[in-house]
């Protein structure tokens, strides 16, 4: 569905051309109908002939301190799920690398469940070369504990100091290997100075677009965000349900595909 229009693929088998009576203007009528047929098929098949393979990172990751405790965040995976659903609706393949979430992804996708940021990194790096677009809707942990205990830590075991190490930047790594024709879309959740911080992230990740939202989006069914391009221009401002915004985001990307 694009906007309020549902696209139905039509085959020659069920597309019936009207019979034309023999008249002096028969040749002209045939020409007009031929143009109409072409227009009809272009309109109904334009999105399907552009069928793409979309990689989506979704949800949070977990970085364990011990077998019980971990660092994470409140990402729900709802945006990733909405993007996968939107992709299937327009005939694209949806490949989802997802951290631990409660949402149910739609049937028909390729799903790769992961837990840690390193696992998400490895899966995304392996899958991206075979995809046309990546949308980084996940919220992977930026840090992991330097030391992980094999046993549950008690209060007496904890010194009060937690040493952390940076995890890999998944989208920046994909941006480094992005080939001509591939599109990389990043997400940035910001609490302040949103535009400047998001544009800096876009440059660091070699992204083509960045979607900027706020903490109000976490676990919500509705959200609002702005989309910026590589030039720093705000190309789209959206608000509404995540399902509707996913449709609009993919629709926005179509003219930029090669």
Protein backbone atom coordinates (compact mmCIF):
# COMPACT_ATOMS: atom_id res chain seq x y z
CA UNK A 1 0.00 0.00 0.00
CA UNK A 2 1.36 3.45 -0.97
CA UNK A 3 -0.68 6.17 0.70
CA UNK A 4 -4.24 5.01 0.31
CA UNK A 5 -3.58 3.09 -2.89
CA UNK A 6 -3.29 -0.68 -2.87
CA UNK A 7 -1.31 -2.09 -5.77
CA UNK A 8 -2.43 -5.43 -7.19
CA UNK A 9 -0.17 -7.26 -9.65
CA UNK A 10 -2.03 -8.09 -12.84
CA UNK A 11 -1.09 -10.84 -15.29
CA UNK A 12 -1.80 -11.10 -19.00
CA UNK A 13 -3.97 -14.07 -18.09
CA UNK A 14 -6.55 -12.00 -16.22
CA UNK A 15 -6.10 -8.68 -18.02
CA UNK A 16 -8.76 -8.63 -20.73
CA UNK A 17 -8.47 -6.13 -23.51
CA UNK A 18 -11.83 -4.83 -24.83
CA UNK A 19 -12.79 -6.08 -28.28
CA UNK A 20 -12.70 -3.39 -30.93
CA UNK A 21 -15.28 -3.22 -33.68
CA UNK A 22 -13.97 -2.68 -37.18
CA UNK A 23 -14.30 1.02 -37.99
CA UNK A 24 -12.43 3.51 -40.15
CA UNK A 25 -10.67 4.69 -37.02
CA UNK A 26 -9.69 1.16 -35.92
CA UNK A 27 -5.95 1.85 -36.26
CA UNK A 28 -6.21 4.99 -34.13
CA UNK A 29 -8.23 3.17 -31.47
CA UNK A 30 -5.69 0.36 -31.34
CA UNK A 31 -2.90 2.90 -30.84
CA UNK A 32 -4.77 4.64 -28.02
CA UNK A 33 -5.50 1.36 -26.25
CA UNK A 34 -1.90 0.25 -26.59
CA UNK A 35 -0.71 3.42 -24.83
CA UNK A 36 -3.38 2.93 -22.16
CA UNK A 37 -2.24 -0.66 -21.62
CA UNK A 38 1.38 0.43 -21.19
CA UNK A 39 0.39 3.14 -18.72
CA UNK A 40 -1.75 0.66 -16.80
CA UNK A 41 1.07 -1.84 -16.46
CA UNK A 42 3.67 0.79 -15.54
CA UNK A 43 1.36 2.10 -12.78
CA UNK A 44 0.62 -1.32 -11.34
CA UNK A 45 4.06 -2.86 -11.69
CA UNK A 46 6.41 0.06 -11.03
CA UNK A 47 7.01 -0.90 -7.43
CA UNK A 48 7.24 -4.61 -8.17
CA UNK A 49 9.76 -4.21 -10.99
CA UNK A 50 11.84 -2.20 -8.50
CA UNK A 51 11.66 -5.08 -6.03
CA UNK A 52 14.53 -4.73 -3.63
CA UNK A 53 16.13 -6.65 -0.81
CA UNK A 54 15.92 -4.59 2.37
CA UNK A 55 18.09 -5.26 5.42
CA UNK A 56 16.65 -3.98 8.71
CA UNK A 57 18.38 -3.95 12.07
CA UNK A 58 15.79 -3.90 14.82
CA UNK A 59 15.36 -3.84 18.58
CA UNK A 60 17.96 -3.59 21.36
CA UNK A 61 21.03 -5.64 22.10
CA UNK A 62 22.20 -6.97 25.46
CA UNK A 63 25.69 -6.88 26.92
CA UNK A 64 25.94 -9.24 29.89
CA UNK A 65 27.86 -8.53 33.09
CA UNK A 66 27.17 -12.02 34.41
CA UNK A 67 24.68 -14.80 33.53
CA UNK A 68 21.79 -12.71 34.92
CA UNK A 69 22.51 -8.98 34.55
CA UNK A 70 23.04 -7.05 31.36
CA UNK A 71 23.26 -3.57 29.84
CA UNK A 72 20.52 -2.74 27.35
CA UNK A 73 17.86 -0.17 26.48
CA UNK A 74 14.10 0.06 26.03
CA UNK A 75 13.93 -0.36 22.24
CA UNK A 76 10.82 -2.41 21.38
CA UNK A 77 11.45 -3.40 17.76
CA UNK A 78 8.11 -1.89 16.71
CA UNK A 79 9.68 0.36 14.06
CA UNK A 80 11.69 -2.51 12.63
CA UNK A 81 8.56 -4.65 12.51
CA UNK A 82 6.64 -1.86 10.76
CA UNK A 83 9.41 -1.48 8.17
CA UNK A 84 9.45 -5.22 7.46
CA UNK A 85 5.67 -5.22 6.99
CA UNK A 86 5.85 -2.19 4.68
CA UNK A 87 8.55 -3.85 2.57
CA UNK A 88 6.51 -7.02 2.07
CA UNK A 89 3.47 -4.98 1.03
CA UNK A 90 5.32 -3.51 -1.97
CA UNK A 91 6.91 -6.76 -3.03
CA UNK A 92 10.35 -6.32 -1.49
CA UNK A 93 12.31 -8.95 0.40
CA UNK A 94 12.73 -8.08 4.08
CA UNK A 95 15.79 -9.34 5.98
CA UNK A 96 15.64 -8.55 9.70
CA UNK A 97 18.48 -8.82 12.19
CA UNK A 98 16.74 -8.44 15.52
CA UNK A 99 17.78 -8.22 19.13
CA UNK A 100 15.51 -9.62 21.89
CA UNK A 101 12.02 -8.17 21.40
CA UNK A 102 8.42 -9.04 22.24
CA UNK A 103 6.97 -8.00 18.85
CA UNK A 104 6.00 -10.64 16.30
CA UNK A 105 7.55 -10.03 12.91
CA UNK A 106 5.37 -10.71 9.85
CA UNK A 107 5.58 -14.10 8.15
CA UNK A 108 7.55 -14.06 4.92
CA UNK A 109 10.66 -12.28 6.18
CA UNK A 110 14.15 -13.62 6.77
CA UNK A 111 14.73 -13.30 10.51
CA UNK A 112 18.14 -13.50 12.18
CA UNK A 113 17.79 -13.31 15.99
CA UNK A 114 20.80 -12.00 17.89
CA UNK A 115 21.56 -10.94 21.45
CA UNK A 116 24.79 -8.92 21.60
CA UNK A 117 25.98 -5.98 19.53
CA UNK A 118 28.82 -8.13 18.20
CA UNK A 119 26.33 -10.73 16.97
CA UNK A 120 24.25 -8.02 15.28
CA UNK A 121 27.42 -6.60 13.72
CA UNK A 122 28.51 -9.99 12.34
CA UNK A 123 25.07 -10.78 10.90
CA UNK A 124 24.60 -7.35 9.33
CA UNK A 125 28.11 -7.36 7.84
CA UNK A 126 27.48 -10.80 6.31
CA UNK A 127 24.05 -9.94 4.90
CA UNK A 128 24.55 -6.37 3.64
CA UNK A 129 26.49 -7.21 0.44
CA UNK A 130 23.44 -9.14 -0.79
CA UNK A 131 20.99 -6.31 -0.06
CA UNK A 132 20.10 -3.08 -1.83
CA UNK A 133 19.15 -1.02 1.21
CA UNK A 134 19.85 -1.10 4.93
CA UNK A 135 17.77 0.74 7.51
CA UNK A 136 19.35 0.81 10.95
CA UNK A 137 16.30 0.96 13.19
CA UNK A 138 17.99 -1.01 15.98
CA UNK A 139 19.35 0.52 19.18
CA UNK A 140 22.48 -1.56 19.82
CA UNK A 141 24.45 -1.00 23.02
CA UNK A 142 27.34 1.39 22.52
CA UNK A 143 29.30 -0.16 25.38
CA UNK A 144 29.94 -3.59 26.87
CA UNK A 145 31.51 -4.64 30.17
CA UNK A 146 35.25 -5.24 29.84
CA UNK A 147 34.99 -8.23 32.14
CA UNK A 148 32.11 -10.72 32.15
CA UNK A 149 31.69 -13.02 35.13
CA UNK A 150 30.79 -16.66 34.52
CA UNK A 151 29.02 -16.68 37.89
CA UNK A 152 26.30 -14.40 39.21
CA UNK A 153 27.90 -11.46 40.98
CA UNK A 154 26.80 -10.73 44.53
CA UNK A 155 26.82 -7.28 46.09
CA UNK A 156 30.06 -8.07 47.86
CA UNK A 157 31.70 -8.99 44.54
CA UNK A 158 30.98 -5.60 43.00
CA UNK A 159 33.54 -2.88 43.69
CA UNK A 160 31.26 -0.06 42.55
CA UNK A 161 33.31 0.54 39.40
CA UNK A 162 32.17 -0.90 36.09
CA UNK A 163 34.77 -0.80 33.33
CA UNK A 164 33.31 -0.52 29.85
CA UNK A 165 34.62 -0.91 26.31
CA UNK A 166 33.07 0.49 23.15
CA UNK A 167 31.19 -1.90 20.88
CA UNK A 168 31.53 -1.77 17.11
CA UNK A 169 29.56 0.84 15.20
CA UNK A 170 27.43 -1.38 12.98
CA UNK A 171 26.20 1.20 10.48
CA UNK A 172 29.60 2.92 10.23
CA UNK A 173 31.08 -0.46 9.32
CA UNK A 174 28.40 -0.99 6.66
CA UNK A 175 29.00 2.53 5.38
CA UNK A 176 32.64 1.67 4.78
CA UNK A 177 31.77 -1.26 2.52
CA UNK A 178 28.70 0.31 0.86
CA UNK A 179 28.93 -0.01 -2.89
CA UNK A 180 27.52 2.34 -5.51
CA UNK A 181 23.73 1.96 -5.72
CA UNK A 182 23.26 0.76 -2.15
CA UNK A 183 21.31 3.01 0.23
CA UNK A 184 22.06 3.33 3.94
CA UNK A 185 19.48 4.90 6.26
CA UNK A 186 20.41 5.57 9.88
CA UNK A 187 18.21 6.38 12.87
CA UNK A 188 19.19 8.86 15.58
CA UNK A 189 17.29 9.22 18.83
CA UNK A 190 18.26 12.56 20.35
CA UNK A 191 17.29 14.54 23.44
CA UNK A 192 18.95 17.87 22.49
CA UNK A 193 20.63 19.64 19.58
CA UNK A 194 18.98 16.96 17.46
CA UNK A 195 19.77 18.24 13.98
CA UNK A 196 23.47 18.90 14.52
CA UNK A 197 24.06 15.66 16.39
CA UNK A 198 22.17 13.66 13.77
CA UNK A 199 24.03 15.21 10.85
CA UNK A 200 27.34 14.45 12.55
CA UNK A 201 26.26 10.82 12.95
CA UNK A 202 25.23 10.65 9.30
CA UNK A 203 28.69 11.75 8.18
CA UNK A 204 30.39 9.29 10.54
CA UNK A 205 28.31 6.41 9.22
CA UNK A 206 28.45 7.42 5.53
CA UNK A 207 24.64 7.30 5.52
CA UNK A 208 22.47 8.61 2.70
CA UNK A 209 19.62 9.61 5.02
CA UNK A 210 19.13 9.86 8.76
CA UNK A 211 15.83 9.64 10.61
CA UNK A 212 15.71 11.75 13.78
CA UNK A 213 13.27 11.05 16.59
CA UNK A 214 13.03 11.51 20.37
CA UNK A 215 12.73 9.25 23.43
CA UNK A 216 8.93 9.56 23.08
CA UNK A 217 9.23 7.01 20.25
CA UNK A 218 10.38 4.24 22.60
CA UNK A 219 7.73 1.52 22.96
CA UNK A 220 5.16 3.82 21.32
CA UNK A 221 2.82 2.83 18.50
CA UNK A 222 2.93 6.39 17.14
CA UNK A 223 5.89 8.66 16.66
CA UNK A 224 7.18 11.73 14.86
CA UNK A 225 10.46 12.18 13.04
CA UNK A 226 12.36 14.24 10.52
CA UNK A 227 14.48 12.84 7.70
CA UNK A 228 17.68 14.58 6.57
CA UNK A 229 19.72 13.90 3.44
CA UNK A 230 23.48 13.98 2.94
CA UNK A 231 23.36 17.71 2.20
CA UNK A 232 21.81 18.35 5.60
CA UNK A 233 18.43 19.30 4.20
CA UNK A 234 15.24 18.21 5.95
CA UNK A 235 13.57 16.22 3.17
CA UNK A 236 10.58 14.86 5.07
CA UNK A 237 8.74 15.52 8.33
CA UNK A 238 6.39 12.73 9.43
CA UNK A 239 4.10 11.93 12.31
CA UNK A 240 1.54 9.22 12.94
CA UNK A 241 1.55 5.49 13.50
CA UNK A 242 4.83 3.67 13.00
CA UNK A 243 3.14 1.49 10.36
CA UNK A 244 2.12 4.57 8.37
CA UNK A 245 5.53 6.18 8.74
CA UNK A 246 7.24 2.98 7.58
CA UNK A 247 5.13 3.07 4.40
CA UNK A 248 6.05 6.71 3.82
CA UNK A 249 9.74 6.16 4.46
CA UNK A 250 9.99 3.37 1.87
CA UNK A 251 7.95 5.43 -0.58
CA UNK A 252 10.45 8.28 -0.10
CA UNK A 253 13.38 5.97 -0.91
CA UNK A 254 12.00 4.61 -4.19
CA UNK A 255 13.06 7.56 -6.42
CA UNK A 256 16.64 7.25 -5.10
CA UNK A 257 17.06 3.63 -6.18
CA UNK A 258 19.17 2.60 -9.13
